[in-house]
Amino acid sequence: MRGIVSREIGGKVVNFHFGTAMFEQLEEKGLRLSNFKDAMSEKMFSTTTEILYQAAIAWCKVNKKDVDFDRVDVTCWVDEMGINEAVNLITEGLRVLEKNPKALENQG
């Protein structure tokens, strides 16, 4: 499935799903793709935590797994990874939204 990113954090593999389920939850919180950059500039830590939290919950829901973490756990994940790696993880997950240049060539 597209948009899946996994990381070992604190000796445990944590999975994130950057897709529609995550974006729906973020929109409910007022965070949209169009304002990611502004949100990251204004509130980097809380925005990073919220995106990762919703992406991890989305992975659990899509895969019918129990959610065995909360927002505080996600803040600990960010602390363990470091803010730069956490932002890189989000960037990696969001690459799924980039247009596929080969598909565009085939439409041609």
PDB file of N, CA and C in Angstrom:
ATOM      1  N   MET A   1       0.843  -1.175   0.000  1.00  0.00           N
ATOM      2  CA  MET A   1       0.000   0.000   0.000  1.00  0.00           C
ATOM      3  C   MET A   1       0.891   1.242   0.000  1.00  0.00           C
ATOM      4  N   ARG A   2       0.515   2.224  -0.763  1.00  0.00           N
ATOM      5  CA  ARG A   2       1.284   3.471  -0.856  1.00  0.00           C
ATOM      6  C   ARG A   2       1.141   4.280   0.425  1.00  0.00           C
ATOM      7  N   GLY A   3       2.162   5.071   0.717  1.00  0.00           N
ATOM      8  CA  GLY A   3       2.106   5.986   1.843  1.00  0.00           C
ATOM      9  C   GLY A   3       2.458   5.377   3.184  1.00  0.00           C
ATOM     10  N   ILE A   4       3.000   4.157   3.180  1.00  0.00           N
ATOM     11  CA  ILE A   4       3.381   3.493   4.428  1.00  0.00           C
ATOM     12  C   ILE A   4       4.857   3.766   4.705  1.00  0.00           C
ATOM     13  N   VAL A   5       5.128   4.227   5.918  1.00  0.00           N
ATOM     14  CA  VAL A   5       6.500   4.447   6.361  1.00  0.00           C
ATOM     15  C   VAL A   5       6.628   3.786   7.727  1.00  0.00           C
ATOM     16  N   SER A   6       7.707   3.058   7.931  1.00  0.00           N
ATOM     17  CA  SER A   6       7.958   2.394   9.213  1.00  0.00           C
ATOM     18  C   SER A   6       9.303   2.854   9.766  1.00  0.00           C
ATOM     19  N   ARG A   7       9.357   2.963  11.085  1.00  0.00           N
ATOM     20  CA  ARG A   7      10.611   3.316  11.755  1.00  0.00           C
ATOM     21  C   ARG A   7      10.718   2.504  13.039  1.00  0.00           C
ATOM     22  N   GLU A   8      11.944   2.147  13.384  1.00  0.00           N
ATOM     23  CA  GLU A   8      12.180   1.552  14.695  1.00  0.00           C
ATOM     24  C   GLU A   8      12.419   2.710  15.658  1.00  0.00           C
ATOM     25  N   ILE A   9      11.569   2.773  16.661  1.00  0.00           N
ATOM     26  CA  ILE A   9      11.649   3.849  17.649  1.00  0.00           C
ATOM     27  C   ILE A   9      11.580   3.203  19.026  1.00  0.00           C
ATOM     28  N   GLY A  10      12.610   3.414  19.820  1.00  0.00           N
ATOM     29  CA  GLY A  10      12.622   2.834  21.161  1.00  0.00           C
ATOM     30  C   GLY A  10      12.580   1.319  21.156  1.00  0.00           C
ATOM     31  N   GLY A  11      13.185   0.703  20.144  1.00  0.00           N
ATOM     32  CA  GLY A  11      13.230  -0.753  20.063  1.00  0.00           C
ATOM     33  C   GLY A  11      11.963  -1.396  19.521  1.00  0.00           C
ATOM     34  N   LYS A  12      11.018  -0.584  19.030  1.00  0.00           N
ATOM     35  CA  LYS A  12       9.747  -1.098  18.507  1.00  0.00           C
ATOM     36  C   LYS A  12       9.515  -0.503  17.120  1.00  0.00           C
ATOM     37  N   VAL A  13       9.021  -1.321  16.198  1.00  0.00           N
ATOM     38  CA  VAL A  13       8.692  -0.815  14.866  1.00  0.00           C
ATOM     39  C   VAL A  13       7.346  -0.103  14.946  1.00  0.00           C
ATOM     40  N   VAL A  14       7.352   1.140  14.496  1.00  0.00           N
ATOM     41  CA  VAL A  14       6.135   1.946  14.460  1.00  0.00           C
ATOM     42  C   VAL A  14       5.802   2.216  12.996  1.00  0.00           C
ATOM     43  N   ASN A  15       4.543   1.996  12.634  1.00  0.00           N
ATOM     44  CA  ASN A  15       4.091   2.168  11.257  1.00  0.00           C
ATOM     45  C   ASN A  15       3.217   3.406  11.137  1.00  0.00           C
ATOM     46  N   PHE A  16       3.358   4.093  10.013  1.00  0.00           N
ATOM     47  CA  PHE A  16       2.598   5.296   9.727  1.00  0.00           C
ATOM     48  C   PHE A  16       1.971   5.151   8.344  1.00  0.00           C
ATOM     49  N   HIS A  17       0.721   5.587   8.213  1.00  0.00           N
ATOM     50  CA  HIS A  17       0.054   5.561   6.917  1.00  0.00           C
ATOM     51  C   HIS A  17      -0.341   6.979   6.550  1.00  0.00           C
ATOM     52  N   PHE A  18       0.356   7.519   5.549  1.00  0.00           N
ATOM     53  CA  PHE A  18       0.077   8.851   5.052  1.00  0.00           C
ATOM     54  C   PHE A  18      -0.889   8.704   3.891  1.00  0.00           C
ATOM     55  N   GLY A  19      -2.164   8.833   4.183  1.00  0.00           N
ATOM     56  CA  GLY A  19      -3.194   8.647   3.169  1.00  0.00           C
ATOM     57  C   GLY A  19      -4.487   9.332   3.580  1.00  0.00           C
ATOM     58  N   THR A  20      -5.560   8.955   2.928  1.00  0.00           N
ATOM     59  CA  THR A  20      -6.853   9.606   3.105  1.00  0.00           C
ATOM     60  C   THR A  20      -7.335   9.584   4.548  1.00  0.00           C
ATOM     61  N   ALA A  21      -7.202   8.464   5.235  1.00  0.00           N
ATOM     62  CA  ALA A  21      -7.669   8.378   6.632  1.00  0.00           C
ATOM     63  C   ALA A  21      -6.940   9.400   7.503  1.00  0.00           C
ATOM     64  N   MET A  22      -5.647   9.544   7.306  1.00  0.00           N
ATOM     65  CA  MET A  22      -4.880  10.527   8.067  1.00  0.00           C
ATOM     66  C   MET A  22      -5.333  11.942   7.731  1.00  0.00           C
ATOM     67  N   PHE A  23      -5.478  12.227   6.428  1.00  0.00           N
ATOM     68  CA  PHE A  23      -5.860  13.579   6.026  1.00  0.00           C
ATOM     69  C   PHE A  23      -7.249  13.956   6.516  1.00  0.00           C
ATOM     70  N   GLU A  24      -8.178  13.010   6.533  1.00  0.00           N
ATOM     71  CA  GLU A  24      -9.509  13.301   7.071  1.00  0.00           C
ATOM     72  C   GLU A  24      -9.424  13.734   8.530  1.00  0.00           C
ATOM     73  N   GLN A  25      -8.633  13.026   9.314  1.00  0.00           N
ATOM     74  CA  GLN A  25      -8.495  13.378  10.733  1.00  0.00           C
ATOM     75  C   GLN A  25      -7.793  14.715  10.913  1.00  0.00           C
ATOM     76  N   LEU A  26      -6.770  14.978  10.110  1.00  0.00           N
ATOM     77  CA  LEU A  26      -6.078  16.259  10.202  1.00  0.00           C
ATOM     78  C   LEU A  26      -7.003  17.414   9.821  1.00  0.00           C
ATOM     79  N   GLU A  27      -7.850  17.206   8.808  1.00  0.00           N
ATOM     80  CA  GLU A  27      -8.797  18.244   8.420  1.00  0.00           C
ATOM     81  C   GLU A  27      -9.766  18.553   9.554  1.00  0.00           C
ATOM     82  N   GLU A  28     -10.159  17.530  10.302  1.00  0.00           N
ATOM     83  CA  GLU A  28     -11.029  17.751  11.456  1.00  0.00           C
ATOM     84  C   GLU A  28     -10.352  18.643  12.498  1.00  0.00           C
ATOM     85  N   LYS A  29      -9.028  18.613  12.529  1.00  0.00           N
ATOM     86  CA  LYS A  29      -8.244  19.427  13.466  1.00  0.00           C
ATOM     87  C   LYS A  29      -7.869  20.786  12.858  1.00  0.00           C
ATOM     88  N   GLY A  30      -8.337  21.054  11.625  1.00  0.00           N
ATOM     89  CA  GLY A  30      -8.048  22.323  10.974  1.00  0.00           C
ATOM     90  C   GLY A  30      -6.737  22.366  10.215  1.00  0.00           C
ATOM     91  N   LEU A  31      -6.093  21.231  10.072  1.00  0.00           N
ATOM     92  CA  LEU A  31      -4.808  21.165   9.371  1.00  0.00           C
ATOM     93  C   LEU A  31      -5.025  20.556   7.991  1.00  0.00           C
ATOM     94  N   ARG A  32      -4.753  21.368   6.972  1.00  0.00           N
ATOM     95  CA  ARG A  32      -4.934  20.929   5.596  1.00  0.00           C
ATOM     96  C   ARG A  32      -3.600  20.979   4.868  1.00  0.00           C
ATOM     97  N   LEU A  33      -3.517  20.258   3.777  1.00  0.00           N
ATOM     98  CA  LEU A  33      -2.293  20.258   2.984  1.00  0.00           C
ATOM     99  C   LEU A  33      -1.890  21.670   2.604  1.00  0.00           C
ATOM    100  N   SER A  34      -2.862  22.500   2.300  1.00  0.00           N
ATOM    101  CA  SER A  34      -2.569  23.862   1.863  1.00  0.00           C
ATOM    102  C   SER A  34      -1.946  24.718   2.963  1.00  0.00           C
ATOM    103  N   ASN A  35      -2.104  24.307   4.238  1.00  0.00           N
ATOM    104  CA  ASN A  35      -1.513  25.122   5.303  1.00  0.00           C
ATOM    105  C   ASN A  35      -0.455  24.381   6.116  1.00  0.00           C
ATOM    106  N   PHE A  36       0.055  23.253   5.604  1.00  0.00           N
ATOM    107  CA  PHE A  36       1.104  22.509   6.306  1.00  0.00           C
ATOM    108  C   PHE A  36       2.323  23.385   6.572  1.00  0.00           C
ATOM    109  N   LYS A  37       2.773  24.084   5.535  1.00  0.00           N
ATOM    110  CA  LYS A  37       4.000  24.879   5.662  1.00  0.00           C
ATOM    111  C   LYS A  37       3.829  25.959   6.736  1.00  0.00           C
ATOM    112  N   ASP A  38       2.707  26.667   6.702  1.00  0.00           N
ATOM    113  CA  ASP A  38       2.457  27.704   7.709  1.00  0.00           C
ATOM    114  C   ASP A  38       2.347  27.096   9.101  1.00  0.00           C
ATOM    115  N   ALA A  39       1.653  25.971   9.212  1.00  0.00           N
ATOM    116  CA  ALA A  39       1.494  25.317  10.516  1.00  0.00           C
ATOM    117  C   ALA A  39       2.840  24.872  11.065  1.00  0.00           C
ATOM    118  N   MET A  40       3.696  24.342  10.200  1.00  0.00           N
ATOM    119  CA  MET A  40       5.027  23.912  10.641  1.00  0.00           C
ATOM    120  C   MET A  40       5.863  25.115  11.088  1.00  0.00           C
ATOM    121  N   SER A  41       5.707  26.236  10.404  1.00  0.00           N
ATOM    122  CA  SER A  41       6.454  27.437  10.783  1.00  0.00           C
ATOM    123  C   SER A  41       5.969  27.994  12.119  1.00  0.00           C
ATOM    124  N   GLU A  42       4.665  27.971  12.326  1.00  0.00           N
ATOM    125  CA  GLU A  42       4.080  28.558  13.533  1.00  0.00           C
ATOM    126  C   GLU A  42       4.213  27.649  14.755  1.00  0.00           C
ATOM    127  N   LYS A  43       3.967  26.358  14.549  1.00  0.00           N
ATOM    128  CA  LYS A  43       3.943  25.405  15.673  1.00  0.00           C
ATOM    129  C   LYS A  43       4.577  24.089  15.230  1.00  0.00           C
ATOM    130  N   MET A  44       5.883  24.104  15.058  1.00  0.00           N
ATOM    131  CA  MET A  44       6.582  22.949  14.491  1.00  0.00           C
ATOM    132  C   MET A  44       6.375  21.674  15.304  1.00  0.00           C
ATOM    133  N   PHE A  45       6.545  21.759  16.618  1.00  0.00           N
ATOM    134  CA  PHE A  45       6.487  20.540  17.429  1.00  0.00           C
ATOM    135  C   PHE A  45       5.076  19.968  17.516  1.00  0.00           C
ATOM    136  N   SER A  46       4.092  20.820  17.773  1.00  0.00           N
ATOM    137  CA  SER A  46       2.727  20.294  17.888  1.00  0.00           C
ATOM    138  C   SER A  46       2.190  19.823  16.538  1.00  0.00           C
ATOM    139  N   THR A  47       2.573  20.508  15.463  1.00  0.00           N
ATOM    140  CA  THR A  47       2.138  20.083  14.133  1.00  0.00           C
ATOM    141  C   THR A  47       2.781  18.751  13.764  1.00  0.00           C
ATOM    142  N   THR A  48       4.076  18.623  14.014  1.00  0.00           N
ATOM    143  CA  THR A  48       4.788  17.368  13.731  1.00  0.00           C
ATOM    144  C   THR A  48       4.170  16.225  14.523  1.00  0.00           C
ATOM    145  N   THR A  49       3.930  16.462  15.800  1.00  0.00           N
ATOM    146  CA  THR A  49       3.333  15.428  16.651  1.00  0.00           C
ATOM    147  C   THR A  49       1.949  15.044  16.141  1.00  0.00           C
ATOM    148  N   GLU A  50       1.137  16.020  15.777  1.00  0.00           N
ATOM    149  CA  GLU A  50      -0.231  15.735  15.308  1.00  0.00           C
ATOM    150  C   GLU A  50      -0.225  14.928  14.018  1.00  0.00           C
ATOM    151  N   ILE A  51       0.629  15.304  13.074  1.00  0.00           N
ATOM    152  CA  ILE A  51       0.696  14.565  11.810  1.00  0.00           C
ATOM    153  C   ILE A  51       1.123  13.118  12.052  1.00  0.00           C
ATOM    154  N   LEU A  52       2.176  12.925  12.845  1.00  0.00           N
ATOM    155  CA  LEU A  52       2.642  11.561  13.117  1.00  0.00           C
ATOM    156  C   LEU A  52       1.606  10.761  13.899  1.00  0.00           C
ATOM    157  N   TYR A  53       0.954  11.398  14.848  1.00  0.00           N
ATOM    158  CA  TYR A  53      -0.088  10.732  15.636  1.00  0.00           C
ATOM    159  C   TYR A  53      -1.205  10.240  14.717  1.00  0.00           C
ATOM    160  N   GLN A  54      -1.687  11.118  13.870  1.00  0.00           N
ATOM    161  CA  GLN A  54      -2.789  10.735  12.978  1.00  0.00           C
ATOM    162  C   GLN A  54      -2.347   9.696  11.947  1.00  0.00           C
ATOM    163  N   ALA A  55      -1.101   9.780  11.473  1.00  0.00           N
ATOM    164  CA  ALA A  55      -0.601   8.785  10.514  1.00  0.00           C
ATOM    165  C   ALA A  55      -0.467   7.410  11.178  1.00  0.00           C
ATOM    166  N   ALA A  56      -0.030   7.382  12.437  1.00  0.00           N
ATOM    167  CA  ALA A  56       0.093   6.102  13.155  1.00  0.00           C
ATOM    168  C   ALA A  56      -1.280   5.515  13.456  1.00  0.00           C
ATOM    169  N   ILE A  57      -2.229   6.354  13.854  1.00  0.00           N
ATOM    170  CA  ILE A  57      -3.596   5.876  14.095  1.00  0.00           C
ATOM    171  C   ILE A  57      -4.195   5.352  12.793  1.00  0.00           C
ATOM    172  N   ALA A  58      -3.978   6.081  11.701  1.00  0.00           N
ATOM    173  CA  ALA A  58      -4.510   5.641  10.403  1.00  0.00           C
ATOM    174  C   ALA A  58      -3.978   4.258  10.042  1.00  0.00           C
ATOM    175  N   TRP A  59      -2.680   4.018  10.276  1.00  0.00           N
ATOM    176  CA  TRP A  59      -2.123   2.698   9.973  1.00  0.00           C
ATOM    177  C   TRP A  59      -2.835   1.625  10.807  1.00  0.00           C
ATOM    178  N   CYS A  60      -3.027   1.895  12.084  1.00  0.00           N
ATOM    179  CA  CYS A  60      -3.709   0.928  12.957  1.00  0.00           C
ATOM    180  C   CYS A  60      -5.123   0.648  12.472  1.00  0.00           C
ATOM    181  N   LYS A  61      -5.871   1.691  12.142  1.00  0.00           N
ATOM    182  CA  LYS A  61      -7.259   1.515  11.709  1.00  0.00           C
ATOM    183  C   LYS A  61      -7.349   0.760  10.392  1.00  0.00           C
ATOM    184  N   VAL A  62      -6.522   1.129   9.432  1.00  0.00           N
ATOM    185  CA  VAL A  62      -6.535   0.465   8.128  1.00  0.00           C
ATOM    186  C   VAL A  62      -6.176  -1.016   8.272  1.00  0.00           C
ATOM    187  N   ASN A  63      -5.291  -1.323   9.206  1.00  0.00           N
ATOM    188  CA  ASN A  63      -4.826  -2.697   9.400  1.00  0.00           C
ATOM    189  C   ASN A  63      -5.536  -3.427  10.535  1.00  0.00           C
ATOM    190  N   LYS A  64      -6.614  -2.814  11.057  1.00  0.00           N
ATOM    191  CA  LYS A  64      -7.447  -3.435  12.108  1.00  0.00           C
ATOM    192  C   LYS A  64      -6.626  -3.828  13.334  1.00  0.00           C
ATOM    193  N   LYS A  65      -5.726  -2.926  13.734  1.00  0.00           N
ATOM    194  CA  LYS A  65      -4.885  -3.145  14.912  1.00  0.00           C
ATOM    195  C   LYS A  65      -5.329  -2.204  16.026  1.00  0.00           C
ATOM    196  N   ASP A  66      -5.149  -2.638  17.264  1.00  0.00           N
ATOM    197  CA  ASP A  66      -5.455  -1.778  18.399  1.00  0.00           C
ATOM    198  C   ASP A  66      -4.454  -0.630  18.464  1.00  0.00           C
ATOM    199  N   VAL A  67      -4.951   0.535  18.813  1.00  0.00           N
ATOM    200  CA  VAL A  67      -4.087   1.691  19.029  1.00  0.00           C
ATOM    201  C   VAL A  67      -3.567   1.574  20.457  1.00  0.00           C
ATOM    202  N   ASP A  68      -2.267   1.325  20.591  1.00  0.00           N
ATOM    203  CA  ASP A  68      -1.675   1.104  21.911  1.00  0.00           C
ATOM    204  C   ASP A  68      -0.718   2.241  22.292  1.00  0.00           C
ATOM    205  N   PHE A  69      -1.035   3.465  21.837  1.00  0.00           N
ATOM    206  CA  PHE A  69      -0.218   4.639  22.113  1.00  0.00           C
ATOM    207  C   PHE A  69      -1.149   5.847  22.191  1.00  0.00           C
ATOM    208  N   ASP A  70      -0.613   6.931  22.724  1.00  0.00           N
ATOM    209  CA  ASP A  70      -1.373   8.179  22.763  1.00  0.00           C
ATOM    210  C   ASP A  70      -0.461   9.319  22.310  1.00  0.00           C
ATOM    211  N   ARG A  71      -0.972  10.537  22.364  1.00  0.00           N
ATOM    212  CA  ARG A  71      -0.186  11.686  21.894  1.00  0.00           C
ATOM    213  C   ARG A  71       1.115  11.852  22.676  1.00  0.00           C
ATOM    214  N   VAL A  72       1.083  11.580  23.959  1.00  0.00           N
ATOM    215  CA  VAL A  72       2.309  11.709  24.757  1.00  0.00           C
ATOM    216  C   VAL A  72       3.359  10.721  24.263  1.00  0.00           C
ATOM    217  N   ASP A  73       2.939   9.510  23.921  1.00  0.00           N
ATOM    218  CA  ASP A  73       3.883   8.550  23.347  1.00  0.00           C
ATOM    219  C   ASP A  73       4.513   9.108  22.065  1.00  0.00           C
ATOM    220  N   VAL A  74       3.697   9.754  21.243  1.00  0.00           N
ATOM    221  CA  VAL A  74       4.211  10.303  19.988  1.00  0.00           C
ATOM    222  C   VAL A  74       5.224  11.408  20.266  1.00  0.00           C
ATOM    223  N   THR A  75       4.990  12.218  21.298  1.00  0.00           N
ATOM    224  CA  THR A  75       5.993  13.239  21.641  1.00  0.00           C
ATOM    225  C   THR A  75       7.310  12.577  22.028  1.00  0.00           C
ATOM    226  N   CYS A  76       7.229  11.437  22.684  1.00  0.00           N
ATOM    227  CA  CYS A  76       8.450  10.693  23.041  1.00  0.00           C
ATOM    228  C   CYS A  76       9.134  10.150  21.786  1.00  0.00           C
ATOM    229  N   TRP A  77       8.343   9.713  20.805  1.00  0.00           N
ATOM    230  CA  TRP A  77       8.926   9.253  19.542  1.00  0.00           C
ATOM    231  C   TRP A  77       9.700  10.389  18.878  1.00  0.00           C
ATOM    232  N   VAL A  78       9.094  11.578  18.877  1.00  0.00           N
ATOM    233  CA  VAL A  78       9.754  12.742  18.277  1.00  0.00           C
ATOM    234  C   VAL A  78      11.047  13.047  19.026  1.00  0.00           C
ATOM    235  N   ASP A  79      10.994  12.982  20.358  1.00  0.00           N
ATOM    236  CA  ASP A  79      12.203  13.217  21.144  1.00  0.00           C
ATOM    237  C   ASP A  79      13.283  12.194  20.811  1.00  0.00           C
ATOM    238  N   GLU A  80      12.882  10.935  20.673  1.00  0.00           N
ATOM    239  CA  GLU A  80      13.844   9.875  20.374  1.00  0.00           C
ATOM    240  C   GLU A  80      14.466  10.046  18.986  1.00  0.00           C
ATOM    241  N   MET A  81      13.623  10.348  17.983  1.00  0.00           N
ATOM    242  CA  MET A  81      14.114  10.518  16.612  1.00  0.00           C
ATOM    243  C   MET A  81      14.858  11.825  16.433  1.00  0.00           C
ATOM    244  N   GLY A  82      14.410  12.839  17.135  1.00  0.00           N
ATOM    245  CA  GLY A  82      14.862  14.204  16.884  1.00  0.00           C
ATOM    246  C   GLY A  82      13.898  14.859  15.917  1.00  0.00           C
ATOM    247  N   ILE A  83      13.727  16.157  16.068  1.00  0.00           N
ATOM    248  CA  ILE A  83      12.741  16.869  15.247  1.00  0.00           C
ATOM    249  C   ILE A  83      13.069  16.796  13.760  1.00  0.00           C
ATOM    250  N   ASN A  84      14.345  16.842  13.402  1.00  0.00           N
ATOM    251  CA  ASN A  84      14.716  16.790  11.978  1.00  0.00           C
ATOM    252  C   ASN A  84      14.319  15.458  11.348  1.00  0.00           C
ATOM    253  N   GLU A  85      14.591  14.352  12.041  1.00  0.00           N
ATOM    254  CA  GLU A  85      14.211  13.039  11.512  1.00  0.00           C
ATOM    255  C   GLU A  85      12.697  12.889  11.464  1.00  0.00           C
ATOM    256  N   ALA A  86      11.996  13.438  12.453  1.00  0.00           N
ATOM    257  CA  ALA A  86      10.529  13.366  12.454  1.00  0.00           C
ATOM    258  C   ALA A  86       9.952  14.108  11.253  1.00  0.00           C
ATOM    259  N   VAL A  87      10.501  15.278  10.957  1.00  0.00           N
ATOM    260  CA  VAL A  87      10.047  16.043   9.789  1.00  0.00           C
ATOM    261  C   VAL A  87      10.413  15.300   8.506  1.00  0.00           C
ATOM    262  N   ASN A  88      11.584  14.681   8.463  1.00  0.00           N
ATOM    263  CA  ASN A  88      11.976  13.879   7.292  1.00  0.00           C
ATOM    264  C   ASN A  88      11.028  12.702   7.088  1.00  0.00           C
ATOM    265  N   LEU A  89      10.576  12.080   8.177  1.00  0.00           N
ATOM    266  CA  LEU A  89       9.634  10.970   8.088  1.00  0.00           C
ATOM    267  C   LEU A  89       8.330  11.458   7.452  1.00  0.00           C
ATOM    268  N   ILE A  90       7.852  12.620   7.880  1.00  0.00           N
ATOM    269  CA  ILE A  90       6.630  13.187   7.302  1.00  0.00           C
ATOM    270  C   ILE A  90       6.833  13.481   5.823  1.00  0.00           C
ATOM    271  N   THR A  91       7.973  14.071   5.493  1.00  0.00           N
ATOM    272  CA  THR A  91       8.274  14.380   4.092  1.00  0.00           C
ATOM    273  C   THR A  91       8.274  13.106   3.257  1.00  0.00           C
ATOM    274  N   GLU A  92       8.891  12.064   3.774  1.00  0.00           N
ATOM    275  CA  GLU A  92       8.918  10.770   3.075  1.00  0.00           C
ATOM    276  C   GLU A  92       7.501  10.242   2.866  1.00  0.00           C
ATOM    277  N   GLY A  93       6.684  10.319   3.905  1.00  0.00           N
ATOM    278  CA  GLY A  93       5.308   9.840   3.801  1.00  0.00           C
ATOM    279  C   GLY A  93       4.465  10.639   2.830  1.00  0.00           C
ATOM    280  N   LEU A  94       4.710  11.932   2.739  1.00  0.00           N
ATOM    281  CA  LEU A  94       3.916  12.792   1.868  1.00  0.00           C
ATOM    282  C   LEU A  94       4.336  12.694   0.398  1.00  0.00           C
ATOM    283  N   ARG A  95       5.476  12.104   0.140  1.00  0.00           N
ATOM    284  CA  ARG A  95       5.914  11.948  -1.255  1.00  0.00           C
ATOM    285  C   ARG A  95       4.908  11.149  -2.077  1.00  0.00           C
ATOM    286  N   VAL A  96       4.091  10.372  -1.416  1.00  0.00           N
ATOM    287  CA  VAL A  96       3.070   9.596  -2.123  1.00  0.00           C
ATOM    288  C   VAL A  96       2.120  10.519  -2.876  1.00  0.00           C
ATOM    289  N   LEU A  97       2.019  11.756  -2.450  1.00  0.00           N
ATOM    290  CA  LEU A  97       1.100  12.703  -3.075  1.00  0.00           C
ATOM    291  C   LEU A  97       1.674  13.352  -4.323  1.00  0.00           C
ATOM    292  N   GLU A  98       2.995  13.196  -4.520  1.00  0.00           N
ATOM    293  CA  GLU A  98       3.604  13.788  -5.697  1.00  0.00           C
ATOM    294  C   GLU A  98       3.085  13.111  -6.951  1.00  0.00           C
ATOM    295  N   LYS A  99       2.966  13.881  -7.997  1.00  0.00           N
ATOM    296  CA  LYS A  99       2.491  13.321  -9.260  1.00  0.00           C
ATOM    297  C   LYS A  99       3.522  12.354  -9.822  1.00  0.00           C
ATOM    298  N   ASN A 100       3.028  11.336 -10.442  1.00  0.00           N
ATOM    299  CA  ASN A 100       3.867  10.333 -11.072  1.00  0.00           C
ATOM    300  C   ASN A 100       4.212  10.818 -12.488  1.00  0.00           C
ATOM    301  N   PRO A 101       5.465  11.218 -12.732  1.00  0.00           N
ATOM    302  CA  PRO A 101       5.815  11.758 -14.047  1.00  0.00           C
ATOM    303  C   PRO A 101       5.616  10.754 -15.180  1.00  0.00           C
ATOM    304  N   LYS A 102       5.835   9.474 -14.937  1.00  0.00           N
ATOM    305  CA  LYS A 102       5.651   8.464 -15.988  1.00  0.00           C
ATOM    306  C   LYS A 102       4.188   8.369 -16.404  1.00  0.00           C
ATOM    307  N   ALA A 103       3.281   8.458 -15.420  1.00  0.00           N
ATOM    308  CA  ALA A 103       1.852   8.418 -15.718  1.00  0.00           C
ATOM    309  C   ALA A 103       1.465   9.624 -16.573  1.00  0.00           C
ATOM    310  N   LEU A 104       2.044  10.785 -16.267  1.00  0.00           N
ATOM    311  CA  LEU A 104       1.741  11.975 -17.048  1.00  0.00           C
ATOM    312  C   LEU A 104       2.252  11.835 -18.490  1.00  0.00           C
ATOM    313  N   GLU A 105       3.434  11.222 -18.649  1.00  0.00           N
ATOM    314  CA  GLU A 105       3.985  10.987 -19.990  1.00  0.00           C
ATOM    315  C   GLU A 105       3.066  10.091 -20.804  1.00  0.00           C
ATOM    316  N   ASN A 106       2.494   9.070 -20.144  1.00  0.00           N
ATOM    317  CA  ASN A 106       1.634   8.118 -20.843  1.00  0.00           C
ATOM    318  C   ASN A 106       0.312   8.739 -21.266  1.00  0.00           C
ATOM    319  N   GLN A 107      -0.106   9.827 -20.603  1.00  0.00           N
ATOM    320  CA  GLN A 107      -1.352  10.468 -20.974  1.00  0.00           C
ATOM    321  C   GLN A 107      -1.205  11.281 -22.253  1.00  0.00           C
ATOM    322  N   GLY A 108       0.054  11.643 -22.589  1.00  0.00           N
ATOM    323  CA  GLY A 108       0.396  12.446 -23.582  1.00  0.00           C
ATOM    324  C   GLY A 108       0.164  12.826 -24.859  1.00  0.00           C
TER     325      GLY A 108
END
